[in-house]
Amino acid sequence: MAKASKTSIDTALLQKVVTATDAGQLMYLSQAEGGAFVSHNPPLIEVNTGILDPNDNTKAAVRATQAAKDYLASQSQGGAQQSNSEAPKYAIITNAVLPAARKRGNVAGAGAPTKYPFADMEVGASFFSADSEHRNGNALKALGSTVSSQNRKYAEETGEFKTVTRAIRDENNKAKIGPDGKKETETVQLPVLKYNRKFTIRPVVGGQKYGEWTAPENGALIARTV
């Protein structure tokens, strides 16, 4: 789905996408319907062009990011925006070390850039978000898409492509299983990106030390690594 020119956000349609995402249901949008959501910074939806509407192949499967929920929440509060003079909610940490990566699982979520201090972070800086701050009780899942959006924001295409083999998804966004009982896969070409800034998110446990910093409670530590 190509990016559309900047335009107003259809909050009613966006709410439908959020509702479908929360319910674990697929929703399909055309380029005209979803372009403004994709071009918003950060993106309000993620598009899977590998899953098309079986009744209309001009529409692709989409799901809402955490940024969409943040956007709708800000609209319900009168669209109030955090001013430049307002102190950021999240303090930047300079003496923390990210815990080792888990072997499995990439996460998704997103957030408003005015709420999190990504723009002010130098390499090695980080900030903490507690599980208790999030409705689902999981900062890792709630902010994963925020981190992905910020990485894309500062990335640029190199002009090169890489070959990736991935699972084929059905209309419910579940991996298709072949007659042999194994997941069906497809090989696609994806652009290679150069990350001018890179952020990483990891779960942390309350009371444990990470470098010189001790996590005040369970949550997630987000650090700038590039």
Protein backbone atom coordinates (compact mmCIF):
# COMPACT_ATOMS: atom_id res chain seq x y z
CA MET A 1 0.00 0.00 0.00
CA ALA A 2 1.67 3.23 -1.12
CA LYS A 3 1.81 6.23 1.16
CA ALA A 4 -0.84 8.83 0.58
CA SER A 5 -0.43 12.58 0.76
CA LYS A 6 -1.04 14.18 4.14
CA THR A 7 -4.74 14.41 4.85
CA SER A 8 -7.17 14.34 7.73
CA ILE A 9 -7.61 11.16 9.74
CA ASP A 10 -10.96 9.37 9.53
CA THR A 11 -11.30 8.65 13.25
CA ALA A 12 -14.46 6.59 12.81
CA LEU A 13 -12.72 4.24 10.38
CA LEU A 14 -9.61 4.15 12.54
CA GLN A 15 -11.74 3.16 15.54
CA LYS A 16 -13.14 0.24 13.51
CA VAL A 17 -9.59 -0.93 12.76
CA VAL A 18 -8.62 -0.68 16.42
CA THR A 19 -11.73 -2.58 17.48
CA ALA A 20 -11.05 -5.34 14.95
CA THR A 21 -7.40 -5.57 16.02
CA ASP A 22 -8.30 -5.82 19.70
CA ALA A 23 -10.79 -8.57 18.85
CA GLY A 24 -8.17 -10.48 16.85
CA GLN A 25 -10.19 -10.05 13.65
CA LEU A 26 -8.96 -9.17 10.18
CA MET A 27 -10.00 -5.91 8.55
CA TYR A 28 -9.25 -4.93 4.98
CA LEU A 29 -8.62 -1.42 3.63
CA SER A 30 -7.90 -0.04 0.19
CA GLN A 31 -5.03 2.35 -0.51
CA ALA A 32 -7.46 5.27 -0.53
CA GLU A 33 -8.91 4.24 2.84
CA GLY A 34 -5.68 3.45 4.62
CA GLY A 35 -3.16 5.78 2.98
CA ALA A 36 -3.55 8.55 5.56
CA PHE A 37 -3.10 6.02 8.38
CA VAL A 38 0.14 4.71 6.84
CA SER A 39 1.60 8.15 6.11
CA HIS A 40 0.90 9.39 9.63
CA ASN A 41 4.02 9.67 11.78
CA PRO A 42 4.16 7.27 13.52
CA PRO A 43 2.03 4.93 11.33
CA LEU A 44 -1.42 4.20 12.73
CA ILE A 45 -1.75 0.85 10.97
CA GLU A 46 0.42 -1.97 9.70
CA VAL A 47 -0.45 -3.41 6.29
CA ASN A 48 0.02 -7.02 5.18
CA THR A 49 -0.15 -6.97 1.38
CA GLY A 50 0.27 -10.74 1.43
CA ILE A 51 -3.31 -11.08 2.68
CA LEU A 52 -5.97 -9.62 0.38
CA ASP A 53 -9.71 -9.36 0.84
CA PRO A 54 -11.11 -12.52 -0.79
CA ASN A 55 -14.01 -10.41 -2.10
CA ASP A 56 -11.94 -7.39 -3.22
CA ASN A 57 -8.29 -7.82 -4.11
CA THR A 58 -7.73 -4.05 -4.02
CA LYS A 59 -7.94 -4.23 -0.22
CA ALA A 60 -5.20 -5.62 2.02
CA ALA A 61 -5.31 -6.83 5.63
CA VAL A 62 -4.43 -4.20 8.22
CA ARG A 63 -4.08 -3.99 11.97
CA ALA A 64 -3.89 -1.01 14.29
CA THR A 65 -0.69 0.01 16.06
CA GLN A 66 -0.52 1.36 19.59
CA ALA A 67 -0.08 4.77 17.94
CA ALA A 68 -3.65 4.47 16.64
CA LYS A 69 -4.97 4.00 20.16
CA ASP A 70 -2.88 6.90 21.40
CA TYR A 71 -4.20 9.06 18.57
CA LEU A 72 -7.84 8.22 19.32
CA ALA A 73 -7.26 8.82 23.03
CA SER A 74 -5.82 12.26 22.28
CA GLN A 75 -8.83 13.08 20.11
CA SER A 76 -11.25 12.04 22.84
CA GLN A 77 -9.46 14.40 25.18
CA GLY A 78 -10.01 17.31 22.84
CA GLY A 79 -6.90 16.73 20.79
CA ALA A 80 -4.69 18.25 23.45
CA GLN A 81 -1.02 17.97 22.56
CA GLN A 82 1.97 18.05 24.86
CA SER A 83 3.70 21.42 24.51
CA ASN A 84 7.40 21.74 23.77
CA SER A 85 7.91 23.34 27.19
CA GLU A 86 6.28 20.45 29.06
CA ALA A 87 8.73 18.16 30.84
CA PRO A 88 8.86 14.69 29.23
CA LYS A 89 7.17 11.91 31.16
CA TYR A 90 10.02 9.47 30.63
CA ALA A 91 13.48 10.28 32.00
CA ILE A 92 16.49 9.33 29.90
CA ILE A 93 18.76 6.80 31.62
CA THR A 94 22.52 6.85 30.90
CA ASN A 95 23.85 4.05 33.11
CA ALA A 96 21.61 1.08 32.22
CA VAL A 97 22.58 -1.98 30.15
CA LEU A 98 20.02 -3.88 28.10
CA PRO A 99 19.43 -7.49 29.23
CA ALA A 100 20.30 -10.30 26.84
CA ALA A 101 17.89 -10.82 23.96
CA ARG A 102 15.24 -13.51 24.19
CA LYS A 103 15.64 -16.30 21.67
CA ARG A 104 12.16 -15.90 20.21
CA GLY A 105 9.55 -13.29 19.63
CA ASN A 106 9.38 -9.92 17.99
CA VAL A 107 6.76 -7.65 19.46
CA ALA A 108 4.51 -4.94 18.20
CA GLY A 109 2.91 -1.77 19.59
CA ALA A 110 3.51 1.95 19.00
CA GLY A 111 3.31 5.32 20.67
CA ALA A 112 3.14 9.07 20.21
CA PRO A 113 6.61 10.57 19.68
CA THR A 114 5.77 13.49 22.02
CA LYS A 115 5.24 11.01 24.86
CA TYR A 116 8.53 9.13 24.59
CA PRO A 117 11.98 10.79 24.39
CA PHE A 118 13.29 9.07 21.25
CA ALA A 119 14.29 12.35 19.57
CA ASP A 120 16.44 13.37 22.56
CA MET A 121 18.29 10.08 23.03
CA GLU A 122 21.98 9.71 22.25
CA VAL A 123 23.60 6.33 21.56
CA GLY A 124 23.68 4.39 24.83
CA ALA A 125 20.76 6.30 26.37
CA SER A 126 17.60 4.46 27.40
CA PHE A 127 14.29 4.91 29.16
CA PHE A 128 12.05 2.66 31.24
CA SER A 129 8.34 1.96 30.95
CA ALA A 130 6.60 -0.06 33.67
CA ASP A 131 4.13 -2.86 32.92
CA SER A 132 1.71 -1.14 35.28
CA GLU A 133 1.49 1.88 32.94
CA HIS A 134 -0.18 -0.14 30.21
CA ARG A 135 -3.71 -1.44 29.99
CA ASN A 136 -2.56 -4.90 28.92
CA GLY A 137 0.02 -5.01 31.73
CA ASN A 138 2.84 -5.67 29.29
CA ALA A 139 5.14 -2.78 28.34
CA LEU A 140 7.11 -5.00 25.96
CA LYS A 141 4.08 -5.70 23.77
CA ALA A 142 2.61 -2.23 24.15
CA LEU A 143 5.78 -0.41 23.01
CA GLY A 144 7.29 -2.88 20.56
CA SER A 145 5.57 -1.26 17.59
CA THR A 146 6.61 2.17 18.84
CA VAL A 147 10.22 1.04 18.65
CA SER A 148 9.70 -0.43 15.17
CA SER A 149 8.10 2.79 13.96
CA GLN A 150 10.98 4.88 15.29
CA ASN A 151 13.52 2.59 13.63
CA ARG A 152 11.71 2.97 10.30
CA LYS A 153 11.43 6.73 10.81
CA TYR A 154 15.22 7.09 10.86
CA ALA A 155 15.93 4.43 8.21
CA GLU A 156 16.57 4.84 4.50
CA GLU A 157 16.53 2.35 1.66
CA THR A 158 19.94 1.37 0.29
CA GLY A 159 18.65 0.35 -3.12
CA GLU A 160 19.57 -3.26 -2.38
CA PHE A 161 17.18 -6.12 -1.69
CA LYS A 162 17.34 -9.26 0.42
CA THR A 163 15.60 -12.57 -0.06
CA VAL A 164 13.41 -13.59 2.87
CA THR A 165 11.47 -16.80 3.37
CA ARG A 166 8.41 -16.33 5.55
CA ALA A 167 5.24 -18.14 6.52
CA ILE A 168 2.18 -17.71 4.31
CA ARG A 169 -0.74 -16.27 6.27
CA ASP A 170 -4.42 -17.08 5.80
CA GLU A 171 -7.34 -14.68 6.02
CA ASN A 172 -7.15 -14.87 9.83
CA ASN A 173 -3.45 -13.97 9.76
CA LYS A 174 -2.49 -17.44 10.93
CA ALA A 175 0.28 -19.49 9.33
CA LYS A 176 -1.07 -21.87 6.67
CA ILE A 177 -0.37 -25.53 7.31
CA GLY A 178 0.32 -27.76 4.31
CA PRO A 179 -0.77 -31.38 3.76
CA ASP A 180 2.49 -32.52 5.32
CA GLY A 181 1.63 -30.75 8.56
CA LYS A 182 4.33 -28.12 8.11
CA LYS A 183 3.92 -24.39 7.71
CA GLU A 184 3.69 -23.20 4.11
CA THR A 185 6.27 -20.58 3.19
CA GLU A 186 6.94 -18.03 0.47
CA THR A 187 10.11 -16.31 -0.68
CA VAL A 188 9.95 -12.55 -1.21
CA GLN A 189 12.33 -9.69 -1.95
CA LEU A 190 12.48 -6.96 0.71
CA PRO A 191 14.44 -3.70 0.57
CA VAL A 192 17.62 -3.50 2.66
CA LEU A 193 17.48 -0.57 5.06
CA LYS A 194 20.24 1.54 6.55
CA TYR A 195 19.37 2.48 10.13
CA ASN A 196 20.65 5.94 11.00
CA ARG A 197 19.22 5.43 14.47
CA LYS A 198 18.36 2.08 16.01
CA PHE A 199 16.31 1.45 19.14
CA THR A 200 15.97 -1.87 20.96
CA ILE A 201 13.40 -2.93 23.56
CA ARG A 202 13.88 -5.68 26.16
CA PRO A 203 11.88 -6.84 29.20
CA VAL A 204 13.35 -6.15 32.64
CA VAL A 205 12.50 -7.53 36.08
CA GLY A 206 11.84 -5.28 39.03
CA GLY A 207 14.65 -5.22 41.57
CA GLN A 208 17.30 -6.55 39.16
CA LYS A 209 20.34 -4.49 38.17
CA TYR A 210 21.16 -3.78 34.54
CA GLY A 211 24.52 -2.08 34.46
CA GLU A 212 24.42 0.59 37.15
CA TRP A 213 20.65 0.95 36.95
CA THR A 214 18.09 -1.07 38.93
CA ALA A 215 14.62 -1.64 37.48
CA PRO A 216 12.04 -0.16 39.89
CA GLU A 217 9.46 -2.74 38.80
CA ASN A 218 8.70 -5.15 35.97
CA GLY A 219 8.59 -3.45 32.61
CA ALA A 220 10.62 -2.73 29.48
CA LEU A 221 13.88 -0.88 28.85
CA ILE A 222 14.21 0.89 25.52
CA ALA A 223 17.73 1.90 24.44
CA ARG A 224 19.28 3.63 21.45
CA THR A 225 21.97 1.32 20.11
CA VAL A 226 22.93 3.15 16.87
